Amino acid sequence: MKKCLCFTALIVVVMSLYGCNILVSRSTDVKSDLAATDKGESINLDLSWQYALNAPVVATPVASGNQLVVAAENGNLYSFDLSSRKLMWLYRAEAAIASVPAIANGMIYLLSRDGVFQALDQFTGTRVWRFATGGEARFAAVGSYGMPAAVGAVPDPWDFHLSSPIVENGKVYFGSSDKKFYALDAVSGTLVWTFNADNMIHSAPAIHNGKLFFGTWGSKVYAVDANTGAELWQFQAGVDAGFVMQGISASPALDEQHVYVGARDGYVYALRQTDGTTVWRYDAQSSWVLAEAALDAENVYVTTSDTGLLLALDKRNGKEKYRADTRFWTYTKPLLVDDRYVFVGNMLGELYGFDKKTGAALWYYQTSERRADINDIINDESGKLRAEKVFSQGVQLQASVEWVKSLGAFVASPIWVNNQLIAVTATGDVLLFEIQ
């Protein structure tokens, strides 16, 4: 995306970049479509339970045994029993929760937008300890999206998440908007070490063989020693004077030798864990890759925003094996199930199930909010976004994104628990699908 010279040019570029010409209408049936094809085996999934949180959700839900934990941007953390499908307890944080909670050793760890990192008792929701970062915020930059400097720093409307924690060897690790990466004692919350990065860290870390890997809004990937916080190496992806094609918010995905990560510069990278050198990179055609990749023995699976695709890439060389059309911005991590299926959700409130080997579409679901379209942002005849409304000069980009989210968008990734598909919409509906 090139730097815009005026707001009118900005509208044109955004309309082009974010897929206003993508067909988005498929079914008006309230039940899920079981779209069997002659290219793959269908899967029969039906919606069997729905719970309205009545609050925005961007963080992927987490399950432990029969416990389902959902974090919302109203500051509530919900704990459900999946056997009874009842709410067991609710914890009220003091600010929105935009990170995926981590569950380990009877504790739940989470980061909220007020800069408070806290640990709760997994079974009661009682807070055990809290730790304050230097502050959390949405990424913002002067001149972003072609806006004049007089406007000041422009918040990025697609910066949905904070860094999500991981727990390993008695420590809990996470990044922060204060440009620091933290290691805390998982039991007491005592600071063990910090690492100073170049920019905000909204990427969730990954760990392997004593090394931590994470990305930053400066488009860097860092590898640091998990015990000491010492820098091992750094990798620089693309940067952009307009701050649009810049940043790594995806969590790195790891195998035994490599780091796989997508970036907003429009590439997917495979890096050596030992030194950060590039093994290969895949050109996603100027499309952001915002979600963590999924891996199997042979392939890397990623989703794209602007082009609306699920991609299967060869782990050895990054060559594309197939692409499946998700038809709109797709920010969810591909969910691999039973070595047979891949599930993803898009920002139009649509869930897809694909054949993992071929990319053939096998299953489809559309939210009730997408069907209702209360803001009238989709043209019923063309099935396209009403660009003249959504990206008009009088509408801020943040408002445009919120309108799209109101369609029951899937920002949080789906998960698979006990042969059940669980997904949460941006409007706060917990959806549980069972195999019939």
Protein backbone atom coordinates (compact mmCIF):
# COMPACT_ATOMS: atom_id res chain seq x y z
CA MET A 1 0.00 0.00 0.00
CA LYS A 2 1.52 3.31 -1.07
CA LYS A 3 1.47 6.44 1.00
CA CYS A 4 -1.69 8.47 0.28
CA LEU A 5 -1.46 12.16 -0.59
CA CYS A 6 -4.95 13.02 0.59
CA PHE A 7 -7.92 11.44 2.31
CA THR A 8 -9.72 10.85 -0.96
CA ALA A 9 -6.75 8.87 -2.24
CA LEU A 10 -6.68 7.04 1.06
CA ILE A 11 -10.28 5.91 0.57
CA VAL A 12 -9.53 4.60 -2.89
CA VAL A 13 -6.47 2.69 -1.72
CA VAL A 14 -8.24 1.22 1.31
CA MET A 15 -11.20 0.16 -0.86
CA SER A 16 -8.77 -1.63 -3.13
CA LEU A 17 -6.55 -3.06 -0.42
CA TYR A 18 -9.29 -4.42 1.78
CA GLY A 19 -11.35 -6.26 -0.75
CA CYS A 20 -14.44 -4.12 -1.35
CA ASN A 21 -14.95 -6.05 -4.58
CA ILE A 22 -15.07 -9.45 -2.88
CA LEU A 23 -18.30 -11.43 -3.08
CA VAL A 24 -19.53 -11.95 0.47
CA SER A 25 -23.02 -13.40 0.20
CA ARG A 26 -23.67 -17.11 0.18
CA SER A 27 -26.47 -18.47 2.31
CA THR A 28 -29.40 -17.09 4.25
CA ASP A 29 -30.13 -20.39 5.96
CA VAL A 30 -29.96 -20.15 9.74
CA LYS A 31 -28.39 -23.60 10.00
CA SER A 32 -24.92 -24.40 8.78
CA ASP A 33 -24.45 -25.43 5.18
CA LEU A 34 -22.98 -28.90 4.75
CA ALA A 35 -21.28 -28.19 1.50
CA ALA A 36 -20.13 -31.61 0.34
CA THR A 37 -18.23 -31.56 -2.93
CA ASP A 38 -16.91 -34.22 -5.26
CA LYS A 39 -13.39 -33.15 -4.23
CA GLY A 40 -13.55 -34.05 -0.57
CA GLU A 41 -15.42 -35.67 2.29
CA SER A 42 -18.07 -33.50 3.97
CA ILE A 43 -18.29 -32.99 7.71
CA ASN A 44 -21.64 -32.68 9.43
CA LEU A 45 -21.40 -30.01 12.12
CA ASP A 46 -24.47 -28.42 13.65
CA LEU A 47 -24.77 -25.55 16.09
CA SER A 48 -25.82 -27.11 19.39
CA TRP A 49 -25.16 -24.33 21.92
CA GLN A 50 -24.93 -20.56 21.83
CA TYR A 51 -24.22 -18.15 24.68
CA ALA A 52 -24.44 -14.36 24.36
CA LEU A 53 -21.77 -12.49 26.30
CA ASN A 54 -23.08 -9.16 24.99
CA ALA A 55 -19.51 -7.88 24.84
CA PRO A 56 -16.87 -7.61 22.09
CA VAL A 57 -14.37 -10.48 21.89
CA VAL A 58 -11.07 -10.56 19.97
CA ALA A 59 -9.16 -13.13 22.05
CA THR A 60 -9.26 -16.81 21.12
CA PRO A 61 -11.03 -18.94 23.77
CA VAL A 62 -9.03 -21.49 25.75
CA ALA A 63 -10.07 -24.92 27.01
CA SER A 64 -8.65 -27.11 29.75
CA GLY A 65 -10.47 -30.40 30.24
CA ASN A 66 -14.15 -29.49 30.43
CA GLN A 67 -13.42 -25.87 31.28
CA LEU A 68 -13.84 -23.19 28.61
CA VAL A 69 -12.41 -19.74 29.32
CA VAL A 70 -13.43 -16.72 27.25
CA ALA A 71 -11.93 -13.23 27.64
CA ALA A 72 -13.95 -10.19 26.56
CA GLU A 73 -13.32 -6.52 25.97
CA ASN A 74 -15.81 -5.55 28.68
CA GLY A 75 -13.13 -6.69 31.12
CA ASN A 76 -14.84 -9.96 32.01
CA LEU A 77 -13.25 -13.39 32.01
CA TYR A 78 -15.89 -16.13 31.73
CA SER A 79 -15.42 -19.73 32.83
CA PHE A 80 -17.87 -22.32 31.47
CA ASP A 81 -18.32 -25.99 32.21
CA LEU A 82 -18.59 -27.69 28.84
CA SER A 83 -20.37 -30.72 30.27
CA SER A 84 -23.26 -28.74 31.73
CA ARG A 85 -22.75 -25.74 29.41
CA LYS A 86 -23.21 -23.42 32.35
CA LEU A 87 -21.29 -20.37 33.49
CA MET A 88 -19.24 -21.44 36.53
CA TRP A 89 -17.62 -18.14 37.48
CA LEU A 90 -16.88 -14.68 36.16
CA TYR A 91 -13.87 -12.51 36.94
CA ARG A 92 -14.04 -8.76 36.40
CA ALA A 93 -10.78 -7.16 35.36
CA GLU A 94 -10.52 -3.39 35.38
CA ALA A 95 -10.02 -3.05 31.64
CA ALA A 96 -10.62 -4.86 28.35
CA ILE A 97 -8.93 -8.23 27.91
CA ALA A 98 -7.42 -8.50 24.45
CA SER A 99 -4.91 -11.30 24.99
CA VAL A 100 -5.47 -15.05 24.91
CA PRO A 101 -5.34 -16.36 28.49
CA ALA A 102 -2.85 -19.11 29.34
CA ILE A 103 -3.84 -21.98 31.63
CA ALA A 104 -1.13 -23.90 33.48
CA ASN A 105 -0.70 -25.61 36.84
CA GLY A 106 -4.06 -24.51 38.21
CA MET A 107 -3.59 -20.86 37.22
CA ILE A 108 -4.95 -18.59 34.49
CA TYR A 109 -2.74 -15.77 33.21
CA LEU A 110 -3.96 -12.74 31.25
CA LEU A 111 -3.05 -9.21 30.17
CA SER A 112 -5.60 -6.38 30.06
CA ARG A 113 -5.49 -3.03 28.30
CA ASP A 114 -4.81 -1.09 31.51
CA GLY A 115 -1.34 -2.64 31.64
CA VAL A 116 -2.16 -5.11 34.39
CA PHE A 117 -0.93 -8.68 34.02
CA GLN A 118 -2.56 -11.01 36.50
CA ALA A 119 -2.81 -14.60 37.63
CA LEU A 120 -6.08 -16.18 38.78
CA ASP A 121 -6.99 -19.43 40.43
CA GLN A 122 -8.20 -21.61 37.57
CA PHE A 123 -11.11 -23.12 39.47
CA THR A 124 -12.49 -20.13 41.39
CA GLY A 125 -11.44 -17.09 39.37
CA THR A 126 -9.86 -15.53 42.47
CA ARG A 127 -6.91 -13.28 41.73
CA VAL A 128 -3.62 -14.62 43.10
CA TRP A 129 -1.26 -11.82 42.04
CA ARG A 130 -0.92 -8.86 39.67
CA PHE A 131 1.97 -7.17 37.87
CA ALA A 132 1.97 -3.75 36.17
CA THR A 133 3.61 -3.21 32.78
CA GLY A 134 4.60 0.21 31.53
CA GLY A 135 1.20 0.51 29.83
CA GLU A 136 -0.76 -1.08 27.00
CA ALA A 137 -2.08 0.67 23.90
CA ARG A 138 -3.11 0.26 20.31
CA PHE A 139 -0.28 0.91 17.84
CA ALA A 140 -0.38 4.49 16.51
CA ALA A 141 1.93 6.52 14.28
CA VAL A 142 2.08 10.01 12.80
CA GLY A 143 1.43 9.90 9.07
CA SER A 144 -0.15 6.45 9.20
CA TYR A 145 -2.67 5.73 6.40
CA GLY A 146 -1.59 8.91 4.65
CA MET A 147 -3.06 11.25 7.26
CA PRO A 148 -1.35 14.65 7.66
CA ALA A 149 1.03 15.13 10.58
CA ALA A 150 -1.28 17.77 12.05
CA VAL A 151 -3.76 15.01 12.88
CA GLY A 152 -1.24 13.46 15.25
CA ALA A 153 -0.63 9.78 15.82
CA VAL A 154 -3.26 7.67 14.04
CA PRO A 155 -4.28 4.49 15.91
CA ASP A 156 -4.22 1.41 13.71
CA PRO A 157 -7.79 0.06 13.60
CA TRP A 158 -6.59 -3.47 12.78
CA ASP A 159 -4.36 -3.73 15.83
CA PHE A 160 -6.82 -5.93 17.72
CA HIS A 161 -4.66 -7.82 20.21
CA LEU A 162 -2.21 -7.50 23.04
CA SER A 163 0.54 -10.06 23.49
CA SER A 164 -0.66 -13.38 24.90
CA PRO A 165 1.30 -15.19 27.61
CA ILE A 166 2.90 -18.63 27.56
CA VAL A 167 4.07 -20.65 30.56
CA GLU A 168 7.20 -22.80 30.60
CA ASN A 169 9.60 -24.07 33.28
CA GLY A 170 8.04 -22.09 36.10
CA LYS A 171 8.00 -18.78 34.23
CA VAL A 172 5.29 -16.89 32.38
CA TYR A 173 6.41 -14.90 29.32
CA PHE A 174 4.65 -12.10 27.42
CA GLY A 175 5.33 -8.90 25.50
CA SER A 176 3.99 -5.41 26.10
CA SER A 177 3.09 -2.18 24.36
CA ASP A 178 5.82 -0.56 26.49
CA LYS A 179 8.34 -2.23 24.12
CA LYS A 180 9.48 -4.68 26.77
CA PHE A 181 9.32 -8.43 26.91
CA TYR A 182 8.76 -9.86 30.38
CA ALA A 183 9.60 -13.06 32.21
CA LEU A 184 7.81 -13.45 35.56
CA ASP A 185 7.85 -16.19 38.16
CA ALA A 186 4.65 -18.08 37.39
CA VAL A 187 3.85 -18.76 41.04
CA SER A 188 4.61 -15.42 42.68
CA GLY A 189 4.53 -12.91 39.80
CA THR A 190 8.03 -11.70 40.70
CA LEU A 191 9.96 -10.14 37.82
CA VAL A 192 12.73 -12.45 36.59
CA TRP A 193 14.03 -10.40 33.66
CA THR A 194 13.01 -7.94 30.94
CA PHE A 195 14.16 -7.49 27.37
CA ASN A 196 14.00 -4.13 25.56
CA ALA A 197 12.70 -4.42 22.00
CA ASP A 198 12.57 -1.84 19.21
CA ASN A 199 8.80 -1.31 19.27
CA MET A 200 5.48 -2.44 20.72
CA ILE A 201 5.10 -6.20 21.19
CA HIS A 202 1.61 -7.51 20.44
CA SER A 203 2.84 -10.84 19.10
CA ALA A 204 2.45 -13.84 21.39
CA PRO A 205 5.77 -15.57 22.06
CA ALA A 206 6.69 -19.13 21.13
CA ILE A 207 9.34 -21.22 22.86
CA HIS A 208 11.57 -24.13 21.82
CA ASN A 209 14.80 -25.54 23.22
CA GLY A 210 15.22 -22.70 25.68
CA LYS A 211 14.72 -19.98 23.07
CA LEU A 212 11.84 -17.48 22.91
CA PHE A 213 10.66 -16.02 19.61
CA PHE A 214 8.31 -13.05 19.10
CA GLY A 215 7.58 -10.22 16.68
CA THR A 216 7.23 -6.46 17.09
CA TRP A 217 5.47 -3.53 15.45
CA GLY A 218 8.88 -2.54 14.09
CA SER A 219 8.62 -5.64 11.84
CA LYS A 220 11.33 -7.46 13.74
CA VAL A 221 11.50 -11.04 14.96
CA TYR A 222 13.60 -11.55 18.07
CA ALA A 223 15.09 -14.69 19.54
CA VAL A 224 16.09 -14.42 23.20
CA ASP A 225 17.38 -16.82 25.82
CA ALA A 226 14.44 -18.00 27.95
CA ASN A 227 16.56 -18.17 31.11
CA THR A 228 18.38 -14.86 30.93
CA GLY A 229 16.59 -12.68 28.37
CA ALA A 230 19.81 -12.21 26.41
CA GLU A 231 19.32 -11.47 22.72
CA LEU A 232 20.34 -14.33 20.45
CA TRP A 233 19.45 -12.76 17.12
CA GLN A 234 17.00 -10.45 15.38
CA PHE A 235 15.46 -10.48 11.92
CA GLN A 236 14.16 -7.41 10.10
CA ALA A 237 11.11 -7.74 7.85
CA GLY A 238 9.73 -4.93 5.70
CA VAL A 239 9.00 -1.44 7.04
CA ASP A 240 6.83 1.27 5.56
CA ALA A 241 7.05 5.06 5.83
CA GLY A 242 3.26 5.15 6.06
CA PHE A 243 3.23 2.43 8.75
CA VAL A 244 0.57 0.42 6.89
CA MET A 245 2.68 -2.40 5.46
CA GLN A 246 4.61 -2.78 8.68
CA GLY A 247 4.53 -4.84 11.87
CA ILE A 248 4.47 -8.44 13.00
CA SER A 249 1.52 -9.21 15.23
CA ALA A 250 1.40 -12.92 14.49
CA SER A 251 2.87 -15.40 16.92
CA PRO A 252 5.76 -17.35 15.38
CA ALA A 253 5.07 -21.03 14.65
CA LEU A 254 7.91 -23.45 15.34
CA ASP A 255 9.09 -26.88 14.32
CA GLU A 256 12.40 -28.46 15.28
CA GLN A 257 14.53 -26.20 13.09
CA HIS A 258 12.58 -23.23 11.77
CA VAL A 259 10.49 -20.22 12.71
CA TYR A 260 7.49 -19.52 10.46
CA VAL A 261 5.86 -16.12 10.72
CA GLY A 262 3.65 -13.87 8.63
CA ALA A 263 3.99 -10.10 8.50
CA ARG A 264 2.08 -7.02 7.44
CA ASP A 265 4.68 -6.38 4.76
CA GLY A 266 2.89 -9.02 2.69
CA TYR A 267 5.26 -11.95 3.17
CA VAL A 268 5.45 -15.23 5.06
CA TYR A 269 8.95 -16.02 6.32
CA ALA A 270 10.74 -19.23 7.23
CA LEU A 271 13.78 -18.47 9.41
CA ARG A 272 16.46 -20.69 10.92
CA GLN A 273 16.07 -20.96 14.67
CA THR A 274 19.83 -21.00 15.13
CA ASP A 275 20.64 -17.62 13.61
CA GLY A 276 17.50 -16.05 12.09
CA THR A 277 18.66 -16.31 8.49
CA THR A 278 15.97 -16.59 5.84
CA VAL A 279 15.26 -20.07 4.47
CA TRP A 280 12.49 -18.84 2.19
CA ARG A 281 9.80 -16.21 1.95
CA TYR A 282 6.41 -16.39 0.29
CA ASP A 283 4.90 -13.38 -1.48
CA ALA A 284 1.31 -12.95 -0.25
CA GLN A 285 0.65 -10.30 -2.88
CA SER A 286 0.74 -7.28 -0.55
CA SER A 287 -1.75 -8.93 1.77
CA TRP A 288 -1.24 -8.80 5.52
CA VAL A 289 -0.66 -12.11 7.27
CA LEU A 290 -1.79 -11.39 10.81
CA ALA A 291 -2.46 -14.79 12.38
CA GLU A 292 -0.16 -17.51 13.59
CA ALA A 293 0.55 -20.24 11.05
CA ALA A 294 -0.49 -23.84 11.61
CA LEU A 295 1.99 -26.61 10.87
CA ASP A 296 1.99 -30.28 10.05
CA ALA A 297 4.85 -32.51 8.92
CA GLU A 298 4.82 -31.17 5.37
CA ASN A 299 3.02 -27.84 5.17
CA VAL A 300 2.62 -24.37 6.61
CA TYR A 301 -0.99 -23.14 6.66
CA VAL A 302 -1.65 -19.38 6.78
CA THR A 303 -4.57 -17.02 6.22
CA THR A 304 -4.45 -13.66 4.46
CA SER A 305 -6.41 -10.50 5.01
CA ASP A 306 -6.71 -8.53 1.78
CA THR A 307 -6.86 -11.48 -0.59
CA GLY A 308 -9.06 -13.58 1.73
CA LEU A 309 -7.26 -16.90 1.39
CA LEU A 310 -6.24 -20.03 3.22
CA LEU A 311 -2.83 -21.04 1.86
CA ALA A 312 -0.98 -24.34 2.16
CA LEU A 313 2.76 -23.81 1.64
CA ASP A 314 5.47 -26.42 1.37
CA LYS A 315 7.63 -26.27 4.52
CA ARG A 316 10.78 -27.03 2.52
CA ASN A 317 10.67 -24.17 0.04
CA GLY A 318 7.55 -22.05 0.63
CA LYS A 319 5.98 -23.08 -2.66
CA GLU A 320 2.21 -22.81 -2.72
CA LYS A 321 0.45 -26.18 -2.79
CA TYR A 322 -3.08 -24.85 -2.86
CA ARG A 323 -5.22 -21.87 -2.00
CA ALA A 324 -8.79 -21.88 -0.70
CA ASP A 325 -11.01 -18.83 -1.01
CA THR A 326 -12.36 -17.39 2.27
CA ARG A 327 -13.68 -14.40 0.32
CA PHE A 328 -12.87 -11.68 2.85
CA TRP A 329 -10.36 -10.48 5.47
CA THR A 330 -9.26 -13.55 7.38
CA TYR A 331 -7.37 -12.96 10.62
CA THR A 332 -7.85 -16.33 12.34
CA LYS A 333 -5.27 -19.06 12.78
CA PRO A 334 -6.03 -22.15 10.65
CA LEU A 335 -7.36 -24.92 12.88
CA LEU A 336 -6.13 -28.39 11.85
CA VAL A 337 -8.42 -31.25 12.94
CA ASP A 338 -7.85 -35.00 12.70
CA ASP A 339 -5.35 -34.57 9.85
CA ARG A 340 -8.42 -34.14 7.62
CA TYR A 341 -9.88 -30.66 8.04
CA VAL A 342 -8.89 -27.01 8.30
CA PHE A 343 -11.27 -24.51 9.88
CA VAL A 344 -11.01 -20.72 9.60
CA GLY A 345 -13.28 -17.75 10.20
CA ASN A 346 -13.42 -14.42 8.40
CA MET A 347 -14.42 -10.88 9.31
CA LEU A 348 -17.83 -11.26 7.68
CA GLY A 349 -19.02 -13.68 10.32
CA GLU A 350 -18.39 -16.77 8.20
CA LEU A 351 -16.80 -20.05 9.27
CA TYR A 352 -15.32 -22.43 6.72
CA GLY A 353 -14.25 -26.04 6.87
CA PHE A 354 -11.83 -27.17 4.16
CA ASP A 355 -10.27 -30.47 3.17
CA LYS A 356 -6.76 -30.27 4.61
CA LYS A 357 -5.16 -32.11 1.70
CA THR A 358 -6.86 -30.35 -1.19
CA GLY A 359 -8.42 -27.13 0.08
CA ALA A 360 -11.87 -28.20 -1.11
CA ALA A 361 -14.72 -26.50 0.76
CA LEU A 362 -16.61 -28.98 2.94
CA TRP A 363 -18.58 -26.92 5.46
CA TYR A 364 -19.86 -23.38 5.91
CA TYR A 365 -21.63 -21.33 8.58
CA GLN A 366 -22.87 -17.75 8.59
CA THR A 367 -23.73 -15.75 11.71
CA SER A 368 -27.15 -14.26 12.31
CA GLU A 369 -25.55 -10.78 12.51
CA ARG A 370 -24.18 -11.19 9.01
CA ARG A 371 -27.61 -12.14 7.75
CA ALA A 372 -29.25 -9.22 9.56
CA ASP A 373 -26.66 -6.62 8.44
CA ILE A 374 -28.21 -3.99 10.72
CA ASN A 375 -25.87 -1.25 9.50
CA ASP A 376 -26.73 -2.00 5.88
CA ILE A 377 -23.11 -2.17 4.74
CA ILE A 378 -23.53 -5.02 2.25
CA ASN A 379 -25.18 -4.60 -1.12
CA ASP A 380 -27.77 -7.38 -1.38
CA GLU A 381 -27.58 -7.51 -5.18
CA SER A 382 -23.81 -7.62 -5.57
CA GLY A 383 -22.91 -9.18 -2.23
CA LYS A 384 -20.18 -6.56 -1.83
CA LEU A 385 -19.44 -4.02 0.88
CA ARG A 386 -21.06 -0.67 0.27
CA ALA A 387 -17.76 1.14 -0.26
CA GLU A 388 -19.50 4.49 -0.65
CA LYS A 389 -20.79 4.04 2.92
CA VAL A 390 -18.13 2.05 4.73
CA PHE A 391 -15.16 4.01 3.35
CA SER A 392 -16.78 7.40 2.77
CA GLN A 393 -14.87 10.57 3.58
CA GLY A 394 -16.98 11.26 6.64
CA VAL A 395 -16.35 7.87 8.25
CA GLN A 396 -13.21 7.17 10.25
CA LEU A 397 -11.39 3.93 9.51
CA GLN A 398 -12.00 2.73 13.07
CA ALA A 399 -15.74 3.17 12.58
CA SER A 400 -15.55 1.23 9.31
CA VAL A 401 -13.84 -1.67 11.06
CA GLU A 402 -16.40 -1.61 13.87
CA TRP A 403 -19.22 -1.80 11.32
CA VAL A 404 -17.63 -4.89 9.82
CA LYS A 405 -17.13 -6.43 13.27
CA SER A 406 -20.84 -5.92 13.92
CA LEU A 407 -21.50 -8.63 11.32
CA GLY A 408 -20.43 -11.18 13.93
CA ALA A 409 -16.85 -11.13 12.66
CA PHE A 410 -14.40 -13.82 13.65
CA VAL A 411 -11.31 -12.09 15.02
CA ALA A 412 -10.75 -14.81 17.61
CA SER A 413 -9.64 -18.14 16.14
CA PRO A 414 -11.80 -21.27 16.43
CA ILE A 415 -10.69 -24.17 18.65
CA TRP A 416 -11.48 -27.90 18.71
CA VAL A 417 -12.40 -29.50 22.05
CA ASN A 418 -13.71 -33.05 22.57
CA ASN A 419 -14.94 -33.37 18.97
CA GLN A 420 -16.59 -29.97 19.18
CA LEU A 421 -15.84 -26.84 17.19
CA ILE A 422 -15.97 -23.72 19.37
CA ALA A 423 -15.83 -20.19 17.99
CA VAL A 424 -16.55 -16.76 19.48
CA THR A 425 -17.69 -13.78 17.43
CA ALA A 426 -16.51 -10.20 17.78
CA THR A 427 -20.01 -9.38 19.01
CA GLY A 428 -19.65 -11.87 21.86
CA ASP A 429 -21.55 -15.00 20.85
CA VAL A 430 -19.99 -18.26 21.99
CA LEU A 431 -20.85 -20.89 19.36
CA LEU A 432 -20.44 -24.62 19.86
CA PHE A 433 -20.84 -27.05 16.95
CA GLU A 434 -21.09 -30.81 17.34
CA ILE A 435 -20.54 -33.59 14.84
CA GLN A 436 -23.86 -35.19 13.96
